[in-house]
Amino acid sequence: MARHGAAAYTFAVALALGVLAAIPAEVQSIGVVYSSVNSDDLPSASDVVKLYQSNGITGMRLYLPDGNILRALRGTNISLILDVGNDQLASLAASASDAAAWVQANVQPHDAVNIKYIAVGNEVAGNDRENILPAMQNVNGALSAAGLGGIIKVSTAVQSGVVTGFPPSQGAFSASYVGTIAQYLASTGAPLLANVYPYFAYVDNQPNVGIDYALFASSGAVVQDGGNAYRNVFDALVDTIYSALEGAGAGSVDVVVSESGWPSAGGTAATKANAQTYNQNLIDHVGPGTPKRPGGMEAYIFAMFNEDNKTEKHFGLFNLDKSPAYPITF
């Protein structure tokens, strides 16, 4: 997760005006990001996986291919987003053999793990963006050579600030590289992974983005966009991405929300009550999908644990002793 500044969410000012009611329905897929693997304070890998299972959490995102967690996931059928670190993009983009070595080291030994997506980079910035697509192509080639082509989908994770436009139907990518990646995803059948944070949209634009609108708590529709009514920021952000995909000639590409969450302390409107409200409403909301794409979606909450050694230390659903930070039901 990266801290999204005002520039990344300038278009959220307009989104103060938007999203559809949360209709209770079965969630298609909801997961939780396990954001750290190198902290001595975290529970053991087996205890982490047991905590996922005991709470009915069916998906995990893992930022690094940690062998202990991957071994603990064997046979659990917990679906996994496995990240390629941004620091590896250049080598994987330049060398098909490096991509093959990465797959051989981090994917092939874990055939009993339900790896669903590989995220080639997370919110990549600067010149490294030019490495995303060739790295994705090389990883896809390596997976195909290993007999996993099409079984594990290869994508990249972007922040919702890569799109501009209001209302959501006017969404467009702010940089051409994203459209090129989107067209590649359309050719492979993979989704676009997007980190979507109504919290930062609210914090950066409080005069225009209401707290109820950000928390899925608006009493009625705030914006009418053609036939689509919006009353929460989440749907407006996601549907803006869908419109951008359509404009880039990649309308068949699905959006998987690879991060979303709300802090329980340490910032504006960062309370346990707000964090519980947002995350519970997100869990309850993703089953119906968005106004533009109804019928269910996938989303991953950031994050599993509150960790004092992280910048985003108050986004966790659980404390390090495995106690809930606040009540939540999956």
C-alpha atoms as a PDB file:
ATOM      1  CA  MET A   1       0.000   0.000   0.000  1.00  0.00           C
ATOM      2  CA  ALA A   2       1.241   3.469  -0.850  1.00  0.00           C
ATOM      3  CA  ARG A   3      -0.008   6.668   0.752  1.00  0.00           C
ATOM      4  CA  HIS A   4      -2.199   8.303  -1.886  1.00  0.00           C
ATOM      5  CA  GLY A   5      -1.757  12.070  -1.945  1.00  0.00           C
ATOM      6  CA  ALA A   6      -4.153  14.720  -3.088  1.00  0.00           C
ATOM      7  CA  ALA A   7      -2.803  14.634  -6.636  1.00  0.00           C
ATOM      8  CA  ALA A   8      -3.709  10.972  -6.990  1.00  0.00           C
ATOM      9  CA  TYR A   9      -7.249  11.695  -5.943  1.00  0.00           C
ATOM     10  CA  THR A  10      -7.993  15.071  -7.430  1.00  0.00           C
ATOM     11  CA  PHE A  11     -10.837  13.582  -9.403  1.00  0.00           C
ATOM     12  CA  ALA A  12     -12.411  12.451  -6.117  1.00  0.00           C
ATOM     13  CA  VAL A  13     -13.627  16.009  -5.583  1.00  0.00           C
ATOM     14  CA  ALA A  14     -16.146  15.339  -8.276  1.00  0.00           C
ATOM     15  CA  LEU A  15     -16.857  11.933  -6.785  1.00  0.00           C
ATOM     16  CA  ALA A  16     -18.268  13.719  -3.747  1.00  0.00           C
ATOM     17  CA  LEU A  17     -21.393  13.503  -5.828  1.00  0.00           C
ATOM     18  CA  GLY A  18     -21.910   9.715  -6.206  1.00  0.00           C
ATOM     19  CA  VAL A  19     -23.171   5.514  -5.474  1.00  0.00           C
ATOM     20  CA  LEU A  20     -25.722   2.788  -5.456  1.00  0.00           C
ATOM     21  CA  ALA A  21     -27.217   1.305  -2.306  1.00  0.00           C
ATOM     22  CA  ALA A  22     -25.437  -1.617  -0.719  1.00  0.00           C
ATOM     23  CA  ILE A  23     -27.770  -4.515  -1.318  1.00  0.00           C
ATOM     24  CA  PRO A  24     -27.218  -7.478   1.021  1.00  0.00           C
ATOM     25  CA  ALA A  25     -25.982 -10.429  -1.007  1.00  0.00           C
ATOM     26  CA  GLU A  26     -23.501 -13.249  -0.846  1.00  0.00           C
ATOM     27  CA  VAL A  27     -19.979 -11.975  -1.368  1.00  0.00           C
ATOM     28  CA  GLN A  28     -18.400 -13.461  -4.455  1.00  0.00           C
ATOM     29  CA  SER A  29     -14.871 -13.192  -3.106  1.00  0.00           C
ATOM     30  CA  ILE A  30     -13.392 -11.240  -0.220  1.00  0.00           C
ATOM     31  CA  GLY A  31      -9.799 -11.560   0.915  1.00  0.00           C
ATOM     32  CA  VAL A  32      -7.353  -9.817   3.222  1.00  0.00           C
ATOM     33  CA  VAL A  33      -3.848  -8.539   2.495  1.00  0.00           C
ATOM     34  CA  TYR A  34      -1.119 -10.160   4.577  1.00  0.00           C
ATOM     35  CA  SER A  35       1.202  -7.227   4.202  1.00  0.00           C
ATOM     36  CA  SER A  36       4.366  -8.198   6.056  1.00  0.00           C
ATOM     37  CA  VAL A  37       6.357 -11.394   6.267  1.00  0.00           C
ATOM     38  CA  ASN A  38       9.596 -10.236   7.841  1.00  0.00           C
ATOM     39  CA  SER A  39       8.493  -9.060  11.287  1.00  0.00           C
ATOM     40  CA  ASP A  40       9.470 -10.996  14.405  1.00  0.00           C
ATOM     41  CA  ASP A  41       6.286  -9.748  16.072  1.00  0.00           C
ATOM     42  CA  LEU A  42       3.897 -11.456  13.666  1.00  0.00           C
ATOM     43  CA  PRO A  43       2.237 -14.778  14.505  1.00  0.00           C
ATOM     44  CA  SER A  44       3.736 -17.872  12.918  1.00  0.00           C
ATOM     45  CA  ALA A  45       2.813 -18.661   9.331  1.00  0.00           C
ATOM     46  CA  SER A  46       0.655 -21.603  10.398  1.00  0.00           C
ATOM     47  CA  ASP A  47      -1.171 -19.443  12.960  1.00  0.00           C
ATOM     48  CA  VAL A  48      -1.767 -16.744  10.339  1.00  0.00           C
ATOM     49  CA  VAL A  49      -3.340 -19.233   7.957  1.00  0.00           C
ATOM     50  CA  LYS A  50      -5.436 -20.745  10.751  1.00  0.00           C
ATOM     51  CA  LEU A  51      -6.686 -17.249  11.590  1.00  0.00           C
ATOM     52  CA  TYR A  52      -7.759 -16.777   7.968  1.00  0.00           C
ATOM     53  CA  GLN A  53      -9.562 -20.128   8.021  1.00  0.00           C
ATOM     54  CA  SER A  54     -11.251 -19.662  11.401  1.00  0.00           C
ATOM     55  CA  ASN A  55     -12.680 -16.324  10.254  1.00  0.00           C
ATOM     56  CA  GLY A  56     -13.868 -17.609   6.886  1.00  0.00           C
ATOM     57  CA  ILE A  57     -11.422 -15.447   4.913  1.00  0.00           C
ATOM     58  CA  THR A  58     -11.078 -17.095   1.510  1.00  0.00           C
ATOM     59  CA  GLY A  59      -8.420 -14.931  -0.166  1.00  0.00           C
ATOM     60  CA  MET A  60      -4.974 -13.547   0.650  1.00  0.00           C
ATOM     61  CA  ARG A  61      -2.641 -11.086  -0.996  1.00  0.00           C
ATOM     62  CA  LEU A  62       1.049 -11.612  -0.281  1.00  0.00           C
ATOM     63  CA  TYR A  63       3.505  -8.853  -1.215  1.00  0.00           C
ATOM     64  CA  LEU A  64       6.529 -11.147  -1.112  1.00  0.00           C
ATOM     65  CA  PRO A  65       6.740 -14.868  -1.981  1.00  0.00           C
ATOM     66  CA  ASP A  66       7.543 -15.973   1.570  1.00  0.00           C
ATOM     67  CA  GLY A  67       8.153 -19.702   1.709  1.00  0.00           C
ATOM     68  CA  ASN A  68       6.752 -20.147   5.221  1.00  0.00           C
ATOM     69  CA  ILE A  69       3.389 -18.646   4.302  1.00  0.00           C
ATOM     70  CA  LEU A  70       3.280 -20.484   0.977  1.00  0.00           C
ATOM     71  CA  ARG A  71       3.945 -23.801   2.702  1.00  0.00           C
ATOM     72  CA  ALA A  72       1.271 -23.045   5.313  1.00  0.00           C
ATOM     73  CA  LEU A  73      -1.234 -22.336   2.529  1.00  0.00           C
ATOM     74  CA  ARG A  74      -0.822 -25.762   0.948  1.00  0.00           C
ATOM     75  CA  GLY A  75      -4.102 -27.628   0.675  1.00  0.00           C
ATOM     76  CA  THR A  76      -6.159 -24.799   2.192  1.00  0.00           C
ATOM     77  CA  ASN A  77      -7.695 -23.582  -1.097  1.00  0.00           C
ATOM     78  CA  ILE A  78      -7.280 -19.983   0.089  1.00  0.00           C
ATOM     79  CA  SER A  79      -6.916 -18.057  -3.180  1.00  0.00           C
ATOM     80  CA  LEU A  80      -3.742 -16.015  -3.443  1.00  0.00           C
ATOM     81  CA  ILE A  81      -2.508 -12.874  -5.142  1.00  0.00           C
ATOM     82  CA  LEU A  82       1.276 -13.253  -5.184  1.00  0.00           C
ATOM     83  CA  ASP A  83       3.301 -10.120  -5.889  1.00  0.00           C
ATOM     84  CA  VAL A  84       6.494  -9.601  -7.838  1.00  0.00           C
ATOM     85  CA  GLY A  85       8.349  -6.816  -6.031  1.00  0.00           C
ATOM     86  CA  ASN A  86       8.827  -3.508  -7.833  1.00  0.00           C
ATOM     87  CA  ASP A  87      12.574  -3.914  -7.376  1.00  0.00           C
ATOM     88  CA  GLN A  88      12.525  -6.978  -9.627  1.00  0.00           C
ATOM     89  CA  LEU A  89      10.649  -5.476 -12.573  1.00  0.00           C
ATOM     90  CA  ALA A  90      13.708  -4.364 -14.512  1.00  0.00           C
ATOM     91  CA  SER A  91      15.362  -7.795 -14.455  1.00  0.00           C
ATOM     92  CA  LEU A  92      12.159  -9.656 -15.307  1.00  0.00           C
ATOM     93  CA  ALA A  93      11.425  -7.232 -18.132  1.00  0.00           C
ATOM     94  CA  ALA A  94      14.902  -7.583 -19.605  1.00  0.00           C
ATOM     95  CA  SER A  95      15.325 -11.336 -19.287  1.00  0.00           C
ATOM     96  CA  ALA A  96      12.936 -14.193 -20.045  1.00  0.00           C
ATOM     97  CA  SER A  97      15.338 -16.488 -18.207  1.00  0.00           C
ATOM     98  CA  ASP A  98      15.084 -14.334 -15.070  1.00  0.00           C
ATOM     99  CA  ALA A  99      11.305 -14.555 -15.294  1.00  0.00           C
ATOM    100  CA  ALA A 100      11.557 -18.332 -15.684  1.00  0.00           C
ATOM    101  CA  ALA A 101      13.834 -18.492 -12.637  1.00  0.00           C
ATOM    102  CA  TRP A 102      11.336 -16.438 -10.613  1.00  0.00           C
ATOM    103  CA  VAL A 103       8.504 -18.809 -11.540  1.00  0.00           C
ATOM    104  CA  GLN A 104      10.657 -21.859 -10.835  1.00  0.00           C
ATOM    105  CA  ALA A 105      11.618 -20.517  -7.400  1.00  0.00           C
ATOM    106  CA  ASN A 106       8.331 -19.004  -6.251  1.00  0.00           C
ATOM    107  CA  VAL A 107       5.491 -20.732  -8.083  1.00  0.00           C
ATOM    108  CA  GLN A 108       6.363 -24.252  -9.230  1.00  0.00           C
ATOM    109  CA  PRO A 109       7.348 -25.597  -5.786  1.00  0.00           C
ATOM    110  CA  HIS A 110       3.920 -24.576  -4.491  1.00  0.00           C
ATOM    111  CA  ASP A 111       1.590 -26.505  -6.770  1.00  0.00           C
ATOM    112  CA  ALA A 112      -0.691 -27.269  -3.809  1.00  0.00           C
ATOM    113  CA  VAL A 113      -1.282 -23.530  -3.254  1.00  0.00           C
ATOM    114  CA  ASN A 114      -4.198 -21.856  -5.022  1.00  0.00           C
ATOM    115  CA  ILE A 115      -2.214 -19.038  -6.666  1.00  0.00           C
ATOM    116  CA  LYS A 116      -4.869 -17.159  -8.621  1.00  0.00           C
ATOM    117  CA  TYR A 117      -3.059 -14.000  -9.739  1.00  0.00           C
ATOM    118  CA  ILE A 118       0.504 -12.773  -9.952  1.00  0.00           C
ATOM    119  CA  ALA A 119       0.768  -9.004  -9.488  1.00  0.00           C
ATOM    120  CA  VAL A 120       3.775  -7.819 -11.461  1.00  0.00           C
ATOM    121  CA  GLY A 121       4.474  -4.651  -9.502  1.00  0.00           C
ATOM    122  CA  ASN A 122       2.363  -2.602  -7.105  1.00  0.00           C
ATOM    123  CA  GLU A 123       1.590   1.070  -7.831  1.00  0.00           C
ATOM    124  CA  VAL A 124       4.739   1.307  -9.937  1.00  0.00           C
ATOM    125  CA  ALA A 125       6.055   4.851 -10.321  1.00  0.00           C
ATOM    126  CA  GLY A 126       8.497   6.714 -12.535  1.00  0.00           C
ATOM    127  CA  ASN A 127      10.605   5.067 -15.209  1.00  0.00           C
ATOM    128  CA  ASP A 128       9.907   1.593 -13.834  1.00  0.00           C
ATOM    129  CA  ARG A 129       6.466   1.796 -15.424  1.00  0.00           C
ATOM    130  CA  GLU A 130       8.008   0.957 -18.788  1.00  0.00           C
ATOM    131  CA  ASN A 131       9.095  -2.387 -17.323  1.00  0.00           C
ATOM    132  CA  ILE A 132       5.622  -3.529 -16.273  1.00  0.00           C
ATOM    133  CA  LEU A 133       4.358  -4.855 -19.599  1.00  0.00           C
ATOM    134  CA  PRO A 134       7.518  -6.700 -20.726  1.00  0.00           C
ATOM    135  CA  ALA A 135       7.844  -8.188 -17.239  1.00  0.00           C
ATOM    136  CA  MET A 136       4.232  -9.365 -17.401  1.00  0.00           C
ATOM    137  CA  GLN A 137       4.850 -10.872 -20.831  1.00  0.00           C
ATOM    138  CA  ASN A 138       7.949 -12.718 -19.634  1.00  0.00           C
ATOM    139  CA  VAL A 139       6.207 -14.028 -16.516  1.00  0.00           C
ATOM    140  CA  ASN A 140       3.297 -15.204 -18.659  1.00  0.00           C
ATOM    141  CA  GLY A 141       5.764 -16.949 -20.952  1.00  0.00           C
ATOM    142  CA  ALA A 142       7.436 -18.623 -17.988  1.00  0.00           C
ATOM    143  CA  LEU A 143       4.104 -19.808 -16.629  1.00  0.00           C
ATOM    144  CA  SER A 144       3.169 -21.245 -20.026  1.00  0.00           C
ATOM    145  CA  ALA A 145       6.484 -23.086 -20.222  1.00  0.00           C
ATOM    146  CA  ALA A 146       5.771 -24.529 -16.776  1.00  0.00           C
ATOM    147  CA  GLY A 147       2.325 -25.755 -17.865  1.00  0.00           C
ATOM    148  CA  LEU A 148       0.524 -23.040 -15.896  1.00  0.00           C
ATOM    149  CA  GLY A 149      -0.446 -20.724 -18.735  1.00  0.00           C
ATOM    150  CA  GLY A 150      -4.007 -19.465 -18.271  1.00  0.00           C
ATOM    151  CA  ILE A 151      -4.287 -21.176 -14.884  1.00  0.00           C
ATOM    152  CA  ILE A 152      -2.526 -18.367 -13.038  1.00  0.00           C
ATOM    153  CA  LYS A 153      -3.427 -14.928 -14.373  1.00  0.00           C
ATOM    154  CA  VAL A 154      -0.731 -12.237 -14.604  1.00  0.00           C
ATOM    155  CA  SER A 155      -1.599  -8.597 -13.929  1.00  0.00           C
ATOM    156  CA  THR A 156      -0.279  -5.508 -12.139  1.00  0.00           C
ATOM    157  CA  ALA A 157      -1.727  -3.444  -9.289  1.00  0.00           C
ATOM    158  CA  VAL A 158      -2.477   0.227  -9.916  1.00  0.00           C
ATOM    159  CA  GLN A 159      -3.893   2.943  -7.694  1.00  0.00           C
ATOM    160  CA  SER A 160      -7.264   4.385  -8.627  1.00  0.00           C
ATOM    161  CA  GLY A 161      -5.542   7.721  -9.271  1.00  0.00           C
ATOM    162  CA  VAL A 162      -4.447   6.406 -12.696  1.00  0.00           C
ATOM    163  CA  VAL A 163      -7.895   7.428 -13.948  1.00  0.00           C
ATOM    164  CA  THR A 164      -9.511  10.828 -14.292  1.00  0.00           C
ATOM    165  CA  GLY A 165     -12.990  11.974 -15.224  1.00  0.00           C
ATOM    166  CA  PHE A 166     -16.423  12.651 -13.787  1.00  0.00           C
ATOM    167  CA  PRO A 167     -19.027  11.271 -13.671  1.00  0.00           C
ATOM    168  CA  PRO A 168     -17.790   7.660 -13.640  1.00  0.00           C
ATOM    169  CA  SER A 169     -18.947   7.118 -17.208  1.00  0.00           C
ATOM    170  CA  GLN A 170     -16.320   9.687 -18.300  1.00  0.00           C
ATOM    171  CA  GLY A 171     -13.383   7.832 -16.778  1.00  0.00           C
ATOM    172  CA  ALA A 172     -10.137   7.708 -18.767  1.00  0.00           C
ATOM    173  CA  PHE A 173      -6.588   6.609 -18.019  1.00  0.00           C
ATOM    174  CA  SER A 174      -4.300   9.498 -17.210  1.00  0.00           C
ATOM    175  CA  ALA A 175      -1.278   7.837 -18.847  1.00  0.00           C
ATOM    176  CA  SER A 176      -1.050   5.792 -22.031  1.00  0.00           C
ATOM    177  CA  TYR A 177       0.992   2.987 -20.452  1.00  0.00           C
ATOM    178  CA  VAL A 178      -2.054   1.866 -18.446  1.00  0.00           C
ATOM    179  CA  GLY A 179      -4.180   1.598 -21.569  1.00  0.00           C
ATOM    180  CA  THR A 180      -1.505  -0.511 -23.247  1.00  0.00           C
ATOM    181  CA  ILE A 181      -1.402  -2.828 -20.234  1.00  0.00           C
ATOM    182  CA  ALA A 182      -5.199  -2.996 -20.258  1.00  0.00           C
ATOM    183  CA  GLN A 183      -5.209  -4.108 -23.891  1.00  0.00           C
ATOM    184  CA  TYR A 184      -2.698  -6.833 -23.037  1.00  0.00           C
ATOM    185  CA  LEU A 185      -4.900  -7.990 -20.159  1.00  0.00           C
ATOM    186  CA  ALA A 186      -7.830  -8.197 -22.560  1.00  0.00           C
ATOM    187  CA  SER A 187      -5.773 -10.512 -24.762  1.00  0.00           C
ATOM    188  CA  THR A 188      -4.893 -12.836 -21.856  1.00  0.00           C
ATOM    189  CA  GLY A 189      -8.197 -12.773 -19.978  1.00  0.00           C
ATOM    190  CA  ALA A 190      -6.614 -11.409 -16.802  1.00  0.00           C
ATOM    191  CA  PRO A 191      -8.177  -8.699 -14.624  1.00  0.00           C
ATOM    192  CA  LEU A 192      -6.718  -5.333 -13.754  1.00  0.00           C
ATOM    193  CA  LEU A 193      -5.779  -5.156 -10.067  1.00  0.00           C
ATOM    194  CA  ALA A 194      -6.684  -1.807  -8.514  1.00  0.00           C
ATOM    195  CA  ASN A 195      -6.031  -0.371  -5.046  1.00  0.00           C
ATOM    196  CA  VAL A 196      -9.146   1.622  -4.163  1.00  0.00           C
ATOM    197  CA  TYR A 197      -9.250   3.813  -1.031  1.00  0.00           C
ATOM    198  CA  PRO A 198     -12.329   5.956  -0.362  1.00  0.00           C
ATOM    199  CA  TYR A 199     -10.576   6.869   2.905  1.00  0.00           C
ATOM    200  CA  PHE A 200      -7.950   8.946   1.093  1.00  0.00           C
ATOM    201  CA  ALA A 201     -10.561  10.382  -1.251  1.00  0.00           C
ATOM    202  CA  TYR A 202     -12.350  11.641   1.865  1.00  0.00           C
ATOM    203  CA  VAL A 203      -9.255  12.857   3.737  1.00  0.00           C
ATOM    204  CA  ASP A 204      -7.872  14.770   0.772  1.00  0.00           C
ATOM    205  CA  ASN A 205     -11.196  16.361  -0.195  1.00  0.00           C
ATOM    206  CA  GLN A 206     -13.261  16.769   2.976  1.00  0.00           C
ATOM    207  CA  PRO A 207     -15.173  19.865   1.809  1.00  0.00           C
ATOM    208  CA  ASN A 208     -16.564  17.870  -1.101  1.00  0.00           C
ATOM    209  CA  VAL A 209     -16.479  14.189  -0.082  1.00  0.00           C
ATOM    210  CA  GLY A 210     -18.862  13.449   2.785  1.00  0.00           C
ATOM    211  CA  ILE A 211     -17.962  10.905   5.438  1.00  0.00           C
ATOM    212  CA  ASP A 212     -21.185   8.938   4.885  1.00  0.00           C
ATOM    213  CA  TYR A 213     -20.474   8.819   1.166  1.00  0.00           C
ATOM    214  CA  ALA A 214     -17.028   7.360   1.895  1.00  0.00           C
ATOM    215  CA  LEU A 215     -18.327   4.824   4.444  1.00  0.00           C
ATOM    216  CA  PHE A 216     -21.136   3.307   2.309  1.00  0.00           C
ATOM    217  CA  ALA A 217     -23.549   5.096   4.640  1.00  0.00           C
ATOM    218  CA  SER A 218     -25.287   7.678   2.437  1.00  0.00           C
ATOM    219  CA  SER A 219     -29.048   7.610   2.829  1.00  0.00           C
ATOM    220  CA  GLY A 220     -29.685   8.021  -0.881  1.00  0.00           C
ATOM    221  CA  ALA A 221     -28.120   8.432  -4.283  1.00  0.00           C
ATOM    222  CA  VAL A 222     -25.887  11.490  -4.578  1.00  0.00           C
ATOM    223  CA  VAL A 223     -25.218  11.346  -8.315  1.00  0.00           C
ATOM    224  CA  GLN A 224     -27.176  10.064 -11.258  1.00  0.00           C
ATOM    225  CA  ASP A 225     -24.906   9.080 -14.138  1.00  0.00           C
ATOM    226  CA  GLY A 226     -27.250   8.117 -16.936  1.00  0.00           C
ATOM    227  CA  GLY A 227     -29.053   5.055 -15.653  1.00  0.00           C
ATOM    228  CA  ASN A 228     -26.565   4.466 -12.833  1.00  0.00           C
ATOM    229  CA  ALA A 229     -27.171   5.895  -9.372  1.00  0.00           C
ATOM    230  CA  TYR A 230     -24.206   6.344  -7.025  1.00  0.00           C
ATOM    231  CA  ARG A 231     -24.178   6.761  -3.274  1.00  0.00           C
ATOM    232  CA  ASN A 232     -20.703   5.557  -2.234  1.00  0.00           C
ATOM    233  CA  VAL A 233     -17.195   6.507  -3.268  1.00  0.00           C
ATOM    234  CA  PHE A 234     -16.082   2.902  -3.713  1.00  0.00           C
ATOM    235  CA  ASP A 235     -18.467   2.173  -6.583  1.00  0.00           C
ATOM    236  CA  ALA A 236     -17.717   5.505  -8.216  1.00  0.00           C
ATOM    237  CA  LEU A 237     -13.969   4.834  -8.166  1.00  0.00           C
ATOM    238  CA  VAL A 238     -14.319   1.297  -9.488  1.00  0.00           C
ATOM    239  CA  ASP A 239     -16.759   2.283 -12.229  1.00  0.00           C
ATOM    240  CA  THR A 240     -14.481   5.138 -13.300  1.00  0.00           C
ATOM    241  CA  ILE A 241     -11.810   2.473 -13.877  1.00  0.00           C
ATOM    242  CA  TYR A 242     -14.285   0.363 -15.840  1.00  0.00           C
ATOM    243  CA  SER A 243     -15.081   3.329 -18.068  1.00  0.00           C
ATOM    244  CA  ALA A 244     -11.365   3.914 -18.631  1.00  0.00           C
ATOM    245  CA  LEU A 245     -10.955   0.264 -19.618  1.00  0.00           C
ATOM    246  CA  GLU A 246     -13.771   0.618 -22.133  1.00  0.00           C
ATOM    247  CA  GLY A 247     -12.211   3.773 -23.548  1.00  0.00           C
ATOM    248  CA  ALA A 248      -8.894   1.950 -23.964  1.00  0.00           C
ATOM    249  CA  GLY A 249     -10.517  -0.833 -25.976  1.00  0.00           C
ATOM    250  CA  ALA A 250     -10.344  -3.256 -23.041  1.00  0.00           C
ATOM    251  CA  GLY A 251     -13.953  -3.360 -21.924  1.00  0.00           C
ATOM    252  CA  SER A 252     -13.800  -7.106 -21.358  1.00  0.00           C
ATOM    253  CA  VAL A 253     -11.267  -6.729 -18.536  1.00  0.00           C
ATOM    254  CA  ASP A 254     -12.578  -7.169 -15.005  1.00  0.00           C
ATOM    255  CA  VAL A 255     -11.400  -5.104 -12.041  1.00  0.00           C
ATOM    256  CA  VAL A 256     -10.214  -6.916  -8.934  1.00  0.00           C
ATOM    257  CA  VAL A 257      -9.868  -4.570  -5.958  1.00  0.00           C
ATOM    258  CA  SER A 258      -6.472  -5.662  -4.674  1.00  0.00           C
ATOM    259  CA  GLU A 259      -6.470  -3.272  -1.677  1.00  0.00           C
ATOM    260  CA  SER A 260      -9.071  -1.276   0.198  1.00  0.00           C
ATOM    261  CA  GLY A 261      -9.419  -0.345   3.835  1.00  0.00           C
ATOM    262  CA  TRP A 262      -9.843   2.246   6.566  1.00  0.00           C
ATOM    263  CA  PRO A 263      -7.553   2.969   9.546  1.00  0.00           C
ATOM    264  CA  SER A 264      -8.799   2.620  13.115  1.00  0.00           C
ATOM    265  CA  ALA A 265      -6.403   5.231  14.571  1.00  0.00           C
ATOM    266  CA  GLY A 266      -3.674   7.687  13.662  1.00  0.00           C
ATOM    267  CA  GLY A 267      -5.409  10.037  11.240  1.00  0.00           C
ATOM    268  CA  THR A 268      -8.435  12.069  10.236  1.00  0.00           C
ATOM    269  CA  ALA A 269     -11.665  10.121  10.804  1.00  0.00           C
ATOM    270  CA  ALA A 270      -9.488   7.140  11.766  1.00  0.00           C
ATOM    271  CA  THR A 271     -11.567   5.511  14.491  1.00  0.00           C
ATOM    272  CA  LYS A 272     -12.459   1.930  15.267  1.00  0.00           C
ATOM    273  CA  ALA A 273     -16.104   2.730  14.598  1.00  0.00           C
ATOM    274  CA  ASN A 274     -15.366   4.109  11.117  1.00  0.00           C
ATOM    275  CA  ALA A 275     -12.957   1.288  10.274  1.00  0.00           C
ATOM    276  CA  GLN A 276     -15.498  -1.302  11.342  1.00  0.00           C
ATOM    277  CA  THR A 277     -18.269   0.447   9.389  1.00  0.00           C
ATOM    278  CA  TYR A 278     -16.229   0.726   6.203  1.00  0.00           C
ATOM    279  CA  ASN A 279     -14.765  -2.767   6.183  1.00  0.00           C
ATOM    280  CA  GLN A 280     -17.984  -4.498   7.196  1.00  0.00           C
ATOM    281  CA  ASN A 281     -19.910  -2.574   4.569  1.00  0.00           C
ATOM    282  CA  LEU A 282     -17.275  -3.459   1.979  1.00  0.00           C
ATOM    283  CA  ILE A 283     -17.609  -7.146   2.824  1.00  0.00           C
ATOM    284  CA  ASP A 284     -21.380  -6.900   2.536  1.00  0.00           C
ATOM    285  CA  HIS A 285     -21.254  -4.788  -0.617  1.00  0.00           C
ATOM    286  CA  VAL A 286     -19.019  -6.552  -3.107  1.00  0.00           C
ATOM    287  CA  GLY A 287     -21.491  -9.378  -3.736  1.00  0.00           C
ATOM    288  CA  PRO A 288     -23.845  -7.204  -5.799  1.00  0.00           C
ATOM    289  CA  GLY A 289     -20.972  -5.554  -7.703  1.00  0.00           C
ATOM    290  CA  THR A 290     -21.119  -1.971  -8.961  1.00  0.00           C
ATOM    291  CA  PRO A 291     -23.808  -0.133 -10.927  1.00  0.00           C
ATOM    292  CA  LYS A 292     -21.757  -0.504 -14.109  1.00  0.00           C
ATOM    293  CA  ARG A 293     -20.776  -4.125 -13.435  1.00  0.00           C
ATOM    294  CA  PRO A 294     -23.412  -5.770 -11.223  1.00  0.00           C
ATOM    295  CA  GLY A 295     -23.222  -9.391 -10.220  1.00  0.00           C
ATOM    296  CA  GLY A 296     -20.296  -9.774  -7.846  1.00  0.00           C
ATOM    297  CA  MET A 297     -16.639  -8.812  -7.657  1.00  0.00           C
ATOM    298  CA  GLU A 298     -13.423  -9.630  -5.837  1.00  0.00           C
ATOM    299  CA  ALA A 299     -11.900  -7.391  -3.186  1.00  0.00           C
ATOM    300  CA  TYR A 300      -9.048  -7.617  -0.682  1.00  0.00           C
ATOM    301  CA  ILE A 301      -9.062  -5.642   2.567  1.00  0.00           C
ATOM    302  CA  PHE A 302      -5.846  -3.967   3.694  1.00  0.00           C
ATOM    303  CA  ALA A 303      -4.680  -5.436   6.035  1.00  0.00           C
ATOM    304  CA  MET A 304      -4.644  -8.455   8.330  1.00  0.00           C
ATOM    305  CA  PHE A 305      -2.622  -7.042  11.249  1.00  0.00           C
ATOM    306  CA  ASN A 306      -1.897  -3.774  12.996  1.00  0.00           C
ATOM    307  CA  GLU A 307       1.899  -3.516  12.904  1.00  0.00           C
ATOM    308  CA  ASP A 308       3.845  -0.855  14.755  1.00  0.00           C
ATOM    309  CA  ASN A 309       6.824  -1.080  12.376  1.00  0.00           C
ATOM    310  CA  LYS A 310       4.765  -0.109   9.329  1.00  0.00           C
ATOM    311  CA  THR A 311       3.841   3.329   8.022  1.00  0.00           C
ATOM    312  CA  GLU A 312       0.220   2.195   7.702  1.00  0.00           C
ATOM    313  CA  LYS A 313       0.184   0.773  11.224  1.00  0.00           C
ATOM    314  CA  HIS A 314      -3.534   1.092  12.032  1.00  0.00           C
ATOM    315  CA  PHE A 315      -5.230  -0.557   9.039  1.00  0.00           C
ATOM    316  CA  GLY A 316      -5.285  -4.050  10.546  1.00  0.00           C
ATOM    317  CA  LEU A 317      -8.329  -6.171  11.237  1.00  0.00           C
ATOM    318  CA  PHE A 318      -6.409  -7.999  13.973  1.00  0.00           C
ATOM    319  CA  ASN A 319      -3.808  -7.180  16.583  1.00  0.00           C
ATOM    320  CA  LEU A 320      -0.499  -9.043  16.734  1.00  0.00           C
ATOM    321  CA  ASP A 321      -1.858 -11.281  19.495  1.00  0.00           C
ATOM    322  CA  LYS A 322      -4.545 -12.405  17.001  1.00  0.00           C
ATOM    323  CA  SER A 323      -7.342 -10.600  18.859  1.00  0.00           C
ATOM    324  CA  PRO A 324      -9.766  -8.613  16.664  1.00  0.00           C
ATOM    325  CA  ALA A 325      -9.054  -4.908  16.381  1.00  0.00           C
ATOM    326  CA  TYR A 326     -12.849  -4.547  16.268  1.00  0.00           C
ATOM    327  CA  PRO A 327     -15.728  -6.924  15.479  1.00  0.00           C
ATOM    328  CA  ILE A 328     -15.950  -7.955  11.827  1.00  0.00           C
ATOM    329  CA  THR A 329     -17.845 -10.782  10.144  1.00  0.00           C
ATOM    330  CA  PHE A 330     -16.926 -12.421   6.853  1.00  0.00           C
END
